Amino acid sequence: MKKYWLVFLTVLGMILLAACSQSTIPENAETSDSSSSGSDTPAEGQEIIYASTTDAVGLSPILTNDSVSSSVIGQVYETLFERDPKTLELVPKLAESFENPDELTWTIKLKEGVTFQDGTPFNAEAVKYTFDKLRDPATAAPRASLLEPVEEITAVDDLTVEIKTKYPYGSMVAALSHSNASIVSPTADEKQDLMKEPVGTGPFKFVSWSTGDQIVLEKNEDYWGGAPTLSKVTFKVVPETSTAISMLQTGEVNFLDALPADQLSRIEAIENVEVTKQEGTPVYWLSPNHATERGQNPEFRKAVAAAVDRDAIVDQLNGLGVRNDSIIGPKVFGYNEAAADGATAYDPEAAKKLVEDNGFGDEPIKLLAANRGTFVQMAEIVQSQLTEAGFDVQIETMEWATFLDTARAGDYDLTFLSWSNVTGDGSEMLYPNFHSDNVGVSNMSQYNNPEFDKLVEQSRTTVDQAEREEYLNQANELLLNEDVGVVMYHGVITSATDNKIKGLEMDPNGQWSLYKVTRE
């Protein structure tokens, strides 16, 4: 049998190192070792308050798929594998090791002595329960695609799980490192609503949620890796970014991320605050609704692409965005540099002619935008550019959870979508976002193209990494040639912390852990 460490370290680890940037950690921060314990004598009363402009959608890893919810979920739940934020290699978390007796079988050994926060044991049955529910069509899990290749899951014994796949699955370990593959307590899931009362194996456990106000967590004294130093973590909803920055300055909150470009200089000028920036895996794009007649019209898509000046977007970001046409980003496995300038170029005159020749300005266009991050700013700039080309564009904004539901339902003409690519793998960008299997779930573009589907499937079903790269390149080129989405920019990961906060780790995908965080 091929042993885990040989396969893993030589293949998957090398690929992720090539695909992702080095993680930037605040000065004087501790490095992470998830298997080591926290402080030997945890200081009581240490608290950190994180400010977000919007509330979580829910707190179940199975039923959510958004960055705001994941920020909380990542402190409460854990996955079988994780990506080390310093080396960017995939390493065991709740798993101990794995073997591949054949190309369709994954035998995973689990850590011993781990318990859920409700006191029930973490074991193979819990893993089977979680993964079976995640992939059950009746669950309608937003990221069921992570386990789409799985045929059967068996609890061999308390600490051994066997996963059989329908075909070779080259990104299995990466998929099992995704926050949406976090393991839930079966007892708790059958007893209560995990969307409101989560129960995992992580270093922090749920205390309360005042919808629209705050979510409170406390340290898990029985955490298998050793209790964290922080006693309390509060996720505070502060709808106005300017207010959140003022609260950071006065010490009312201790931590912000996804910093707005137009406020960056103000944040950097605060004496007691440390700002970190690093290139990351997020990508933001403008998408037509491919389920509509207009969205299926290549002339309409080309007119939109030619009308949008992406440089004007990036120029507004003060260094917090990277200009690149490719949908698979520079820090993601499968990226090809030739795609950087591979999309329809900005050409306002050509856009005007296409609009005029096809009567695209005769009907109003509903441009849907979430009321967070850079989405509203992008919508206003793009509305102006499309109007200049002759389109009649009306912006509709809505809060995050409602936006996600509306986009999934396809209730728009154009919208802005984003993806953080937690796994750093191109297949896990293209499959959930553009494959027809996921239309109306994670494929909010409503895109359906059998030729594209086949290329993505080939990228997932081979373990030859060079072949995977070639299939991903072909699929990416197809998206660019057909103007399936207009990439606005690739994201830069940012954080701003009170300088008394030490040990915060930011991953290139924008996620972070509070386990090793302390307050001086």
Protein backbone atom coordinates (compact mmCIF):
# COMPACT_ATOMS: atom_id res chain seq x y z
CA MET A 1 0.00 0.00 0.00
CA LYS A 2 1.13 3.47 -0.69
CA LYS A 3 1.66 5.22 2.60
CA TYR A 4 0.22 8.65 3.26
CA TRP A 5 3.41 10.59 3.92
CA LEU A 6 5.15 9.55 0.70
CA VAL A 7 2.23 10.40 -1.57
CA PHE A 8 1.15 13.45 0.33
CA LEU A 9 4.44 15.27 0.87
CA THR A 10 5.84 14.61 -2.57
CA VAL A 11 2.78 15.35 -4.67
CA LEU A 12 0.03 17.32 -2.98
CA GLY A 13 2.34 19.37 -0.80
CA MET A 14 4.53 20.41 -3.74
CA ILE A 15 1.54 21.37 -5.84
CA LEU A 16 0.02 23.60 -3.19
CA LEU A 17 3.36 25.23 -2.52
CA ALA A 18 3.59 26.08 -6.19
CA ALA A 19 -0.02 27.23 -6.35
CA CYS A 20 -0.17 29.57 -3.37
CA SER A 21 1.75 32.50 -1.94
CA GLN A 22 3.60 32.56 1.35
CA SER A 23 1.34 33.50 4.24
CA THR A 24 1.95 36.86 5.87
CA ILE A 25 1.72 36.72 9.66
CA PRO A 26 1.68 39.83 11.88
CA GLU A 27 5.07 40.74 13.34
CA ASN A 28 5.96 38.79 16.47
CA ALA A 29 3.14 36.32 15.84
CA GLU A 30 3.62 32.72 16.92
CA THR A 31 3.77 30.03 14.28
CA SER A 32 1.02 27.44 14.23
CA ASP A 33 1.27 23.80 15.23
CA SER A 34 -2.22 22.44 15.55
CA SER A 35 -1.05 19.36 17.39
CA SER A 36 0.59 21.37 20.16
CA SER A 37 -1.30 22.73 23.11
CA GLY A 38 -2.10 26.34 23.87
CA SER A 39 -0.69 28.15 26.89
CA ASP A 40 0.13 25.80 29.77
CA THR A 41 -1.57 28.21 32.15
CA PRO A 42 -4.27 29.99 30.14
CA ALA A 43 -4.87 33.55 31.32
CA GLU A 44 -8.48 34.10 32.27
CA GLY A 45 -10.40 37.11 31.01
CA GLN A 46 -8.59 37.54 27.68
CA GLU A 47 -11.09 38.54 25.01
CA ILE A 48 -10.99 39.51 21.36
CA ILE A 49 -13.77 41.31 19.49
CA TYR A 50 -13.93 40.96 15.72
CA ALA A 51 -16.06 43.39 13.70
CA SER A 52 -17.92 42.39 10.54
CA THR A 53 -20.17 44.55 8.39
CA THR A 54 -22.69 41.71 8.10
CA ASP A 55 -23.99 38.82 10.17
CA ALA A 56 -23.35 35.14 9.56
CA VAL A 57 -25.86 33.26 7.42
CA GLY A 58 -25.72 30.24 9.71
CA LEU A 59 -23.34 28.16 11.80
CA SER A 60 -23.57 24.71 10.24
CA PRO A 61 -20.63 23.83 7.96
CA ILE A 62 -22.93 21.52 6.01
CA LEU A 63 -25.58 24.11 5.23
CA THR A 64 -23.54 27.28 4.63
CA ASN A 65 -21.02 28.41 2.05
CA ASP A 66 -20.02 32.01 2.72
CA SER A 67 -16.96 33.67 4.21
CA VAL A 68 -18.77 35.42 7.05
CA SER A 69 -20.22 32.19 8.41
CA SER A 70 -16.92 30.38 7.82
CA SER A 71 -15.10 32.83 10.08
CA VAL A 72 -17.16 31.57 13.01
CA ILE A 73 -17.35 27.95 11.87
CA GLY A 74 -13.56 27.77 11.63
CA GLN A 75 -13.21 28.44 15.36
CA VAL A 76 -15.86 25.91 16.45
CA TYR A 77 -15.38 23.05 13.98
CA GLU A 78 -12.42 21.20 12.52
CA THR A 79 -11.63 19.21 9.38
CA LEU A 80 -9.78 15.94 8.81
CA PHE A 81 -6.96 17.83 7.08
CA GLU A 82 -5.84 21.44 6.97
CA ARG A 83 -3.40 23.59 5.07
CA ASP A 84 -0.53 24.79 7.22
CA PRO A 85 -0.64 28.62 7.04
CA LYS A 86 3.15 28.86 6.99
CA THR A 87 4.25 26.03 4.67
CA LEU A 88 0.90 25.77 2.81
CA GLU A 89 1.19 21.99 2.81
CA LEU A 90 -1.86 19.85 3.48
CA VAL A 91 -1.38 18.18 6.87
CA PRO A 92 -3.58 16.03 9.15
CA LYS A 93 -5.91 17.75 11.60
CA LEU A 94 -8.53 15.37 12.99
CA ALA A 95 -6.97 12.69 10.80
CA GLU A 96 -3.79 10.94 11.85
CA SER A 97 -2.79 9.62 8.41
CA PHE A 98 -4.19 8.08 5.25
CA GLU A 99 -3.40 5.34 2.75
CA ASN A 100 -4.40 4.65 -0.85
CA PRO A 101 -4.59 0.85 -1.27
CA ASP A 102 -5.87 1.57 -4.79
CA GLU A 103 -6.84 4.63 -6.81
CA LEU A 104 -10.50 4.42 -5.74
CA THR A 105 -9.94 3.84 -2.02
CA TRP A 106 -8.93 6.23 0.75
CA THR A 107 -8.33 4.72 4.19
CA ILE A 108 -8.12 7.44 6.84
CA LYS A 109 -6.91 6.90 10.39
CA LEU A 110 -8.39 9.33 12.94
CA LYS A 111 -6.90 10.96 16.01
CA GLU A 112 -7.65 9.18 19.26
CA GLY A 113 -9.11 10.83 22.35
CA VAL A 114 -10.94 13.70 20.61
CA THR A 115 -14.40 14.67 21.83
CA PHE A 116 -17.06 17.04 20.60
CA GLN A 117 -17.99 20.05 22.71
CA ASP A 118 -21.14 18.23 23.86
CA GLY A 119 -18.97 15.47 25.38
CA THR A 120 -19.73 12.85 22.73
CA PRO A 121 -16.83 11.04 21.03
CA PHE A 122 -15.32 12.03 17.73
CA ASN A 123 -14.98 8.80 15.77
CA ALA A 124 -15.43 7.14 12.40
CA GLU A 125 -19.21 7.07 12.76
CA ALA A 126 -19.21 10.87 13.21
CA VAL A 127 -17.16 11.29 10.05
CA LYS A 128 -19.45 8.96 8.12
CA TYR A 129 -22.54 10.77 9.44
CA THR A 130 -21.17 14.18 8.45
CA PHE A 131 -20.05 13.20 4.96
CA ASP A 132 -23.19 11.19 4.21
CA LYS A 133 -25.33 14.15 5.18
CA LEU A 134 -23.17 16.57 3.19
CA ARG A 135 -23.55 14.53 0.01
CA ASP A 136 -27.21 13.53 0.49
CA PRO A 137 -29.30 15.34 -2.18
CA ALA A 138 -32.07 15.79 0.40
CA THR A 139 -29.74 17.99 2.46
CA ALA A 140 -29.20 20.38 -0.45
CA ALA A 141 -25.78 21.29 0.95
CA PRO A 142 -24.22 24.25 -0.95
CA ARG A 143 -20.87 22.45 -1.17
CA ALA A 144 -22.05 18.88 -1.72
CA SER A 145 -19.78 19.05 -4.77
CA LEU A 146 -16.79 18.51 -2.47
CA LEU A 147 -17.80 14.86 -2.11
CA GLU A 148 -19.54 14.35 -5.46
CA PRO A 149 -17.03 11.64 -6.50
CA VAL A 150 -17.70 9.58 -3.35
CA GLU A 151 -19.46 6.26 -3.82
CA GLU A 152 -19.54 4.93 -0.25
CA ILE A 153 -18.20 5.75 3.22
CA THR A 154 -17.58 3.00 5.76
CA ALA A 155 -16.68 3.18 9.44
CA VAL A 156 -14.24 0.26 9.55
CA ASP A 157 -13.69 0.69 13.28
CA ASP A 158 -13.83 3.56 15.77
CA LEU A 159 -10.75 5.27 14.35
CA THR A 160 -10.75 4.14 10.71
CA VAL A 161 -12.81 5.51 7.84
CA GLU A 162 -12.80 4.06 4.34
CA ILE A 163 -13.95 6.22 1.43
CA LYS A 164 -14.68 4.61 -1.94
CA THR A 165 -14.91 6.89 -4.97
CA LYS A 166 -16.66 6.40 -8.31
CA TYR A 167 -13.51 7.45 -10.15
CA PRO A 168 -9.99 8.61 -9.21
CA TYR A 169 -10.30 11.91 -7.34
CA GLY A 170 -7.08 13.89 -7.55
CA SER A 171 -8.07 16.58 -5.05
CA MET A 172 -9.58 14.42 -2.29
CA VAL A 173 -7.32 15.60 0.54
CA ALA A 174 -7.77 19.22 -0.54
CA ALA A 175 -11.55 18.72 -0.49
CA LEU A 176 -11.38 17.25 3.02
CA SER A 177 -9.51 20.36 4.20
CA HIS A 178 -12.40 22.60 3.19
CA SER A 179 -14.33 24.24 6.04
CA ASN A 180 -17.57 22.88 4.60
CA ALA A 181 -16.20 19.37 5.22
CA SER A 182 -15.86 20.09 8.95
CA ILE A 183 -17.04 17.27 11.19
CA VAL A 184 -20.24 17.82 13.19
CA SER A 185 -21.51 16.06 16.29
CA PRO A 186 -24.19 13.57 15.12
CA THR A 187 -25.85 13.68 18.55
CA ALA A 188 -26.09 17.47 18.47
CA ASP A 189 -27.26 17.54 14.86
CA GLU A 190 -30.14 15.19 15.65
CA LYS A 191 -31.01 17.11 18.80
CA GLN A 192 -30.78 20.77 17.75
CA ASP A 193 -30.41 23.17 14.83
CA LEU A 194 -26.68 23.48 14.15
CA MET A 195 -27.35 26.55 12.05
CA LYS A 196 -28.14 28.31 15.34
CA GLU A 197 -26.29 26.20 17.93
CA PRO A 198 -23.09 24.69 16.51
CA VAL A 199 -21.19 21.81 18.11
CA GLY A 200 -17.77 20.79 16.82
CA THR A 201 -14.39 19.64 18.11
CA GLY A 202 -12.67 23.03 17.84
CA PRO A 203 -10.90 25.23 20.42
CA PHE A 204 -13.91 27.51 20.92
CA LYS A 205 -17.51 26.59 21.67
CA PHE A 206 -20.75 28.39 21.05
CA VAL A 207 -22.35 30.57 23.74
CA SER A 208 -24.98 32.79 22.10
CA TRP A 209 -26.14 34.50 18.93
CA SER A 210 -28.11 37.75 18.94
CA THR A 211 -29.13 37.97 15.30
CA GLY A 212 -27.90 41.14 13.66
CA ASP A 213 -25.82 42.04 16.71
CA GLN A 214 -23.21 39.52 17.81
CA ILE A 215 -22.10 35.90 18.15
CA VAL A 216 -20.23 34.92 21.30
CA LEU A 217 -17.85 31.98 21.71
CA GLU A 218 -15.87 30.83 24.73
CA LYS A 219 -12.77 28.69 25.13
CA ASN A 220 -13.20 24.93 25.00
CA GLU A 221 -11.47 23.87 28.22
CA ASP A 222 -11.48 20.25 27.04
CA TYR A 223 -10.01 20.92 23.60
CA TRP A 224 -7.86 17.99 22.52
CA GLY A 225 -4.98 20.26 21.51
CA GLY A 226 -4.99 22.17 24.79
CA ALA A 227 -7.31 25.02 25.74
CA PRO A 228 -6.69 28.34 23.93
CA THR A 229 -5.46 31.38 25.81
CA LEU A 230 -8.43 33.53 24.84
CA SER A 231 -11.40 33.05 27.14
CA LYS A 232 -13.98 34.77 24.96
CA VAL A 233 -14.41 35.67 21.29
CA THR A 234 -17.13 38.04 20.10
CA PHE A 235 -18.12 38.46 16.45
CA LYS A 236 -19.69 41.92 16.44
CA VAL A 237 -21.88 43.11 13.58
CA VAL A 238 -20.98 46.72 12.71
CA PRO A 239 -22.79 47.58 9.46
CA GLU A 240 -20.88 50.80 8.81
CA THR A 241 -17.21 50.25 7.98
CA SER A 242 -16.31 53.74 9.12
CA THR A 243 -17.82 53.00 12.52
CA ALA A 244 -15.91 49.72 12.78
CA ILE A 245 -12.64 51.55 12.07
CA SER A 246 -13.43 54.12 14.77
CA MET A 247 -14.14 51.28 17.19
CA LEU A 248 -10.80 49.69 16.30
CA GLN A 249 -9.09 52.99 17.03
CA THR A 250 -10.74 53.34 20.44
CA GLY A 251 -10.23 49.68 21.35
CA GLU A 252 -13.93 48.75 21.29
CA VAL A 253 -13.04 46.09 18.72
CA ASN A 254 -9.66 44.41 18.22
CA PHE A 255 -9.72 42.94 14.75
CA LEU A 256 -10.95 43.72 11.24
CA ASP A 257 -10.28 41.92 7.97
CA ALA A 258 -11.15 42.45 4.29
CA LEU A 259 -10.17 46.09 4.71
CA PRO A 260 -11.88 48.55 2.35
CA ALA A 261 -9.49 50.20 -0.10
CA ASP A 262 -10.98 53.65 0.35
CA GLN A 263 -10.32 53.49 4.10
CA LEU A 264 -6.89 51.86 3.99
CA SER A 265 -4.86 55.03 4.54
CA ARG A 266 -7.01 55.93 7.53
CA ILE A 267 -6.49 52.50 9.09
CA GLU A 268 -2.75 52.52 8.45
CA ALA A 269 -2.50 55.90 10.19
CA ILE A 270 -3.88 54.55 13.49
CA GLU A 271 -0.93 54.30 15.88
CA ASN A 272 -2.07 51.29 17.88
CA VAL A 273 -3.02 49.16 14.87
CA GLU A 274 -1.00 46.74 12.73
CA VAL A 275 -2.04 46.15 9.11
CA THR A 276 -1.03 43.05 7.11
CA LYS A 277 -1.46 42.50 3.36
CA GLN A 278 -0.74 39.52 1.12
CA GLU A 279 -1.81 38.27 -2.29
CA GLY A 280 -4.50 35.66 -1.94
CA THR A 281 -6.82 33.26 -3.71
CA PRO A 282 -10.09 35.29 -3.80
CA VAL A 283 -11.46 36.34 -7.19
CA TYR A 284 -14.31 38.76 -7.98
CA TRP A 285 -16.14 38.69 -11.30
CA LEU A 286 -19.13 40.18 -13.08
CA SER A 287 -21.46 37.48 -14.33
CA PRO A 288 -24.39 37.50 -16.73
CA ASN A 289 -27.27 35.21 -15.85
CA HIS A 290 -26.60 32.37 -18.27
CA ALA A 291 -30.11 30.98 -17.82
CA THR A 292 -31.64 34.02 -19.57
CA GLU A 293 -31.90 34.68 -23.29
CA ARG A 294 -29.61 37.69 -23.01
CA GLY A 295 -27.08 35.82 -20.91
CA GLN A 296 -26.88 33.08 -23.53
CA ASN A 297 -26.28 35.60 -26.31
CA PRO A 298 -22.51 35.79 -27.04
CA GLU A 299 -22.93 39.30 -28.49
CA PHE A 300 -24.50 40.51 -25.24
CA ARG A 301 -21.71 39.00 -23.16
CA LYS A 302 -19.05 40.49 -25.42
CA ALA A 303 -20.71 43.91 -25.28
CA VAL A 304 -20.69 43.80 -21.47
CA ALA A 305 -17.06 42.65 -21.36
CA ALA A 306 -15.91 45.33 -23.81
CA ALA A 307 -17.75 48.06 -21.88
CA VAL A 308 -16.13 47.32 -18.52
CA ASP A 309 -12.79 48.95 -17.73
CA ARG A 310 -11.27 46.60 -15.16
CA ASP A 311 -8.29 48.90 -14.66
CA ALA A 312 -10.66 51.55 -13.34
CA ILE A 313 -11.81 49.06 -10.71
CA VAL A 314 -8.30 48.05 -9.65
CA ASP A 315 -7.17 51.70 -9.52
CA GLN A 316 -9.78 52.32 -6.82
CA LEU A 317 -8.44 49.52 -4.62
CA ASN A 318 -5.22 51.20 -3.43
CA GLY A 319 -3.15 48.08 -3.97
CA LEU A 320 -5.75 45.67 -2.56
CA GLY A 321 -6.58 44.11 -5.91
CA VAL A 322 -4.54 42.42 -8.66
CA ARG A 323 -5.47 42.98 -12.31
CA ASN A 324 -5.66 39.67 -14.16
CA ASP A 325 -8.20 38.35 -16.70
CA SER A 326 -7.83 34.70 -15.69
CA ILE A 327 -10.65 33.19 -13.65
CA ILE A 328 -8.18 30.72 -12.12
CA GLY A 329 -5.99 33.09 -10.14
CA PRO A 330 -2.18 33.36 -9.90
CA LYS A 331 -2.14 31.72 -6.45
CA VAL A 332 -4.28 28.73 -7.48
CA PHE A 333 -3.19 25.38 -8.91
CA GLY A 334 -3.95 25.30 -12.64
CA TYR A 335 -3.13 28.95 -13.35
CA ASN A 336 -1.48 29.69 -16.70
CA GLU A 337 0.21 33.06 -17.12
CA ALA A 338 -0.93 33.25 -20.73
CA ALA A 339 -4.50 33.74 -19.47
CA ALA A 340 -3.62 36.96 -17.66
CA ASP A 341 -4.57 39.00 -20.75
CA GLY A 342 -6.81 36.41 -22.35
CA ALA A 343 -10.24 38.03 -22.05
CA THR A 344 -12.11 40.50 -24.26
CA ALA A 345 -10.27 43.81 -23.97
CA TYR A 346 -11.85 47.06 -22.83
CA ASP A 347 -13.14 48.75 -25.97
CA PRO A 348 -15.98 51.23 -25.31
CA GLU A 349 -16.55 51.98 -28.99
CA ALA A 350 -16.92 48.31 -29.86
CA ALA A 351 -19.30 47.94 -26.91
CA LYS A 352 -21.46 50.86 -28.09
CA LYS A 353 -21.71 49.37 -31.58
CA LEU A 354 -22.74 45.95 -30.23
CA VAL A 355 -25.39 47.56 -28.02
CA GLU A 356 -26.74 49.66 -30.85
CA ASP A 357 -26.71 46.88 -33.46
CA ASN A 358 -28.50 44.43 -31.15
CA GLY A 359 -30.85 46.76 -29.30
CA PHE A 360 -29.36 45.77 -25.93
CA GLY A 361 -30.25 49.17 -24.49
CA ASP A 362 -33.97 48.71 -25.05
CA GLU A 363 -34.56 46.62 -21.92
CA PRO A 364 -33.41 47.56 -18.40
CA ILE A 365 -30.72 45.42 -16.78
CA LYS A 366 -30.98 44.42 -13.12
CA LEU A 367 -27.47 44.58 -11.64
CA LEU A 368 -27.52 42.72 -8.33
CA ALA A 369 -24.93 43.54 -5.66
CA ALA A 370 -24.40 42.53 -2.04
CA ASN A 371 -24.12 45.45 0.37
CA ARG A 372 -20.69 44.48 1.68
CA GLY A 373 -17.03 44.70 0.77
CA THR A 374 -16.33 46.21 -2.64
CA PHE A 375 -19.54 45.00 -4.27
CA VAL A 376 -21.44 48.31 -4.11
CA GLN A 377 -18.37 50.25 -5.25
CA MET A 378 -17.93 47.90 -8.22
CA ALA A 379 -21.63 48.14 -9.05
CA GLU A 380 -21.54 51.93 -9.20
CA ILE A 381 -18.45 52.01 -11.43
CA VAL A 382 -19.76 49.29 -13.74
CA GLN A 383 -23.20 50.90 -13.94
CA SER A 384 -21.55 54.10 -15.18
CA GLN A 385 -19.45 52.24 -17.74
CA LEU A 386 -22.35 50.16 -19.05
CA THR A 387 -24.57 53.25 -19.24
CA GLU A 388 -21.88 54.97 -21.32
CA ALA A 389 -22.06 52.03 -23.73
CA GLY A 390 -25.82 52.43 -24.08
CA PHE A 391 -27.15 49.88 -21.57
CA ASP A 392 -29.97 50.80 -19.17
CA VAL A 393 -28.66 49.52 -15.82
CA GLN A 394 -30.47 49.56 -12.48
CA ILE A 395 -28.59 48.55 -9.33
CA GLU A 396 -30.32 46.49 -6.66
CA THR A 397 -28.42 45.95 -3.39
CA MET A 398 -29.32 43.64 -0.54
CA GLU A 399 -27.81 42.19 2.60
CA TRP A 400 -25.52 39.18 2.31
CA ALA A 401 -27.81 36.24 3.12
CA THR A 402 -30.62 37.57 0.92
CA PHE A 403 -28.15 38.25 -1.89
CA LEU A 404 -26.94 34.64 -1.82
CA ASP A 405 -30.48 33.28 -2.00
CA THR A 406 -31.38 35.69 -4.82
CA ALA A 407 -28.28 34.88 -6.85
CA ARG A 408 -28.81 31.13 -6.44
CA ALA A 409 -32.37 31.56 -7.69
CA GLY A 410 -31.09 33.45 -10.76
CA ASP A 411 -33.16 36.55 -10.02
CA TYR A 412 -30.85 39.01 -11.80
CA ASP A 413 -29.48 39.98 -15.19
CA LEU A 414 -25.94 40.77 -14.08
CA THR A 415 -24.34 40.26 -10.69
CA PHE A 416 -20.99 40.29 -8.92
CA LEU A 417 -19.79 36.95 -7.60
CA SER A 418 -16.72 36.01 -5.60
CA TRP A 419 -14.86 32.90 -4.52
CA SER A 420 -12.07 32.52 -1.98
CA ASN A 421 -10.93 29.06 -3.14
CA VAL A 422 -10.27 27.54 0.26
CA THR A 423 -8.46 24.53 -1.23
CA GLY A 424 -6.17 26.49 -3.59
CA ASP A 425 -7.08 24.06 -6.39
CA GLY A 426 -8.42 25.12 -9.80
CA SER A 427 -10.86 22.22 -10.01
CA GLU A 428 -12.43 23.45 -6.79
CA MET A 429 -12.89 26.85 -8.40
CA LEU A 430 -14.35 25.74 -11.73
CA TYR A 431 -16.48 22.79 -10.62
CA PRO A 432 -18.61 24.48 -7.94
CA ASN A 433 -18.93 27.80 -9.77
CA PHE A 434 -19.46 26.83 -13.41
CA HIS A 435 -20.23 23.11 -13.77
CA SER A 436 -23.86 22.34 -14.62
CA ASP A 437 -24.12 19.90 -11.68
CA ASN A 438 -24.18 22.93 -9.38
CA VAL A 439 -26.56 25.29 -11.18
CA GLY A 440 -28.76 26.98 -8.60
CA VAL A 441 -26.51 25.92 -5.73
CA SER A 442 -22.90 27.13 -5.87
CA ASN A 443 -23.08 27.81 -9.63
CA MET A 444 -24.87 31.14 -9.27
CA SER A 445 -23.86 32.12 -12.82
CA GLN A 446 -26.37 29.46 -13.98
CA TYR A 447 -23.77 28.44 -16.57
CA ASN A 448 -24.32 25.17 -18.46
CA ASN A 449 -21.89 23.98 -21.14
CA PRO A 450 -21.26 20.24 -21.78
CA GLU A 451 -17.85 20.91 -23.37
CA PHE A 452 -16.73 22.86 -20.31
CA ASP A 453 -18.22 20.23 -17.97
CA LYS A 454 -16.18 17.50 -19.64
CA LEU A 455 -12.91 19.42 -19.24
CA VAL A 456 -13.55 20.06 -15.55
CA GLU A 457 -14.51 16.44 -14.98
CA GLN A 458 -11.25 15.36 -16.61
CA SER A 459 -9.33 17.70 -14.31
CA ARG A 460 -10.91 16.01 -11.32
CA THR A 461 -10.66 12.39 -12.39
CA THR A 462 -6.96 12.10 -13.09
CA VAL A 463 -4.22 11.97 -10.48
CA ASP A 464 -1.57 13.03 -13.02
CA GLN A 465 -1.03 16.63 -11.97
CA ALA A 466 0.43 17.77 -15.30
CA GLU A 467 -2.68 16.46 -17.06
CA ARG A 468 -4.87 18.18 -14.49
CA GLU A 469 -3.15 21.49 -15.23
CA GLU A 470 -3.72 21.12 -18.95
CA TYR A 471 -7.43 20.36 -18.55
CA LEU A 472 -7.82 23.31 -16.18
CA ASN A 473 -6.05 25.60 -18.65
CA GLN A 474 -8.36 24.52 -21.47
CA ALA A 475 -11.46 25.03 -19.30
CA ASN A 476 -10.24 28.44 -18.17
CA GLU A 477 -9.56 29.50 -21.77
CA LEU A 478 -13.05 28.42 -22.78
CA LEU A 479 -14.58 30.65 -20.09
CA LEU A 480 -12.49 33.61 -21.26
CA ASN A 481 -13.21 33.07 -24.95
CA GLU A 482 -16.95 32.95 -24.30
CA ASP A 483 -16.96 35.94 -21.89
CA VAL A 484 -18.64 33.76 -19.28
CA GLY A 485 -17.51 36.14 -16.55
CA VAL A 486 -15.57 39.41 -16.48
CA VAL A 487 -12.90 39.25 -13.77
CA MET A 488 -12.84 42.49 -11.82
CA TYR A 489 -9.78 41.63 -9.76
CA HIS A 490 -7.99 39.00 -7.70
CA GLY A 491 -7.99 39.74 -4.02
CA VAL A 492 -5.32 40.78 -1.55
CA ILE A 493 -5.84 39.38 1.95
CA THR A 494 -5.80 42.07 4.64
CA SER A 495 -6.21 42.41 8.37
CA ALA A 496 -5.96 45.18 10.94
CA THR A 497 -5.39 44.27 14.58
CA ASP A 498 -4.89 46.07 17.85
CA ASN A 499 -1.12 45.83 18.42
CA LYS A 500 -1.75 44.00 21.68
CA ILE A 501 -3.07 41.07 19.64
CA LYS A 502 -0.42 38.46 18.85
CA GLY A 503 -0.49 35.15 17.00
CA LEU A 504 -3.17 35.81 14.38
CA GLU A 505 -2.63 33.69 11.27
CA MET A 506 -4.07 34.72 7.91
CA ASP A 507 -4.33 32.15 5.14
CA PRO A 508 -4.13 33.21 1.45
CA ASN A 509 -7.78 32.18 1.14
CA GLY A 510 -8.78 34.81 3.73
CA GLN A 511 -9.54 32.41 6.55
CA TRP A 512 -7.91 32.72 9.95
CA SER A 513 -7.55 30.94 13.27
CA LEU A 514 -7.82 32.45 16.76
CA TYR A 515 -6.47 29.36 18.53
CA LYS A 516 -2.98 30.76 19.15
CA VAL A 517 -4.06 34.37 19.59
CA THR A 518 -3.19 36.18 22.81
CA ARG A 519 -3.65 39.70 24.16
CA GLU A 520 -0.77 41.40 25.89
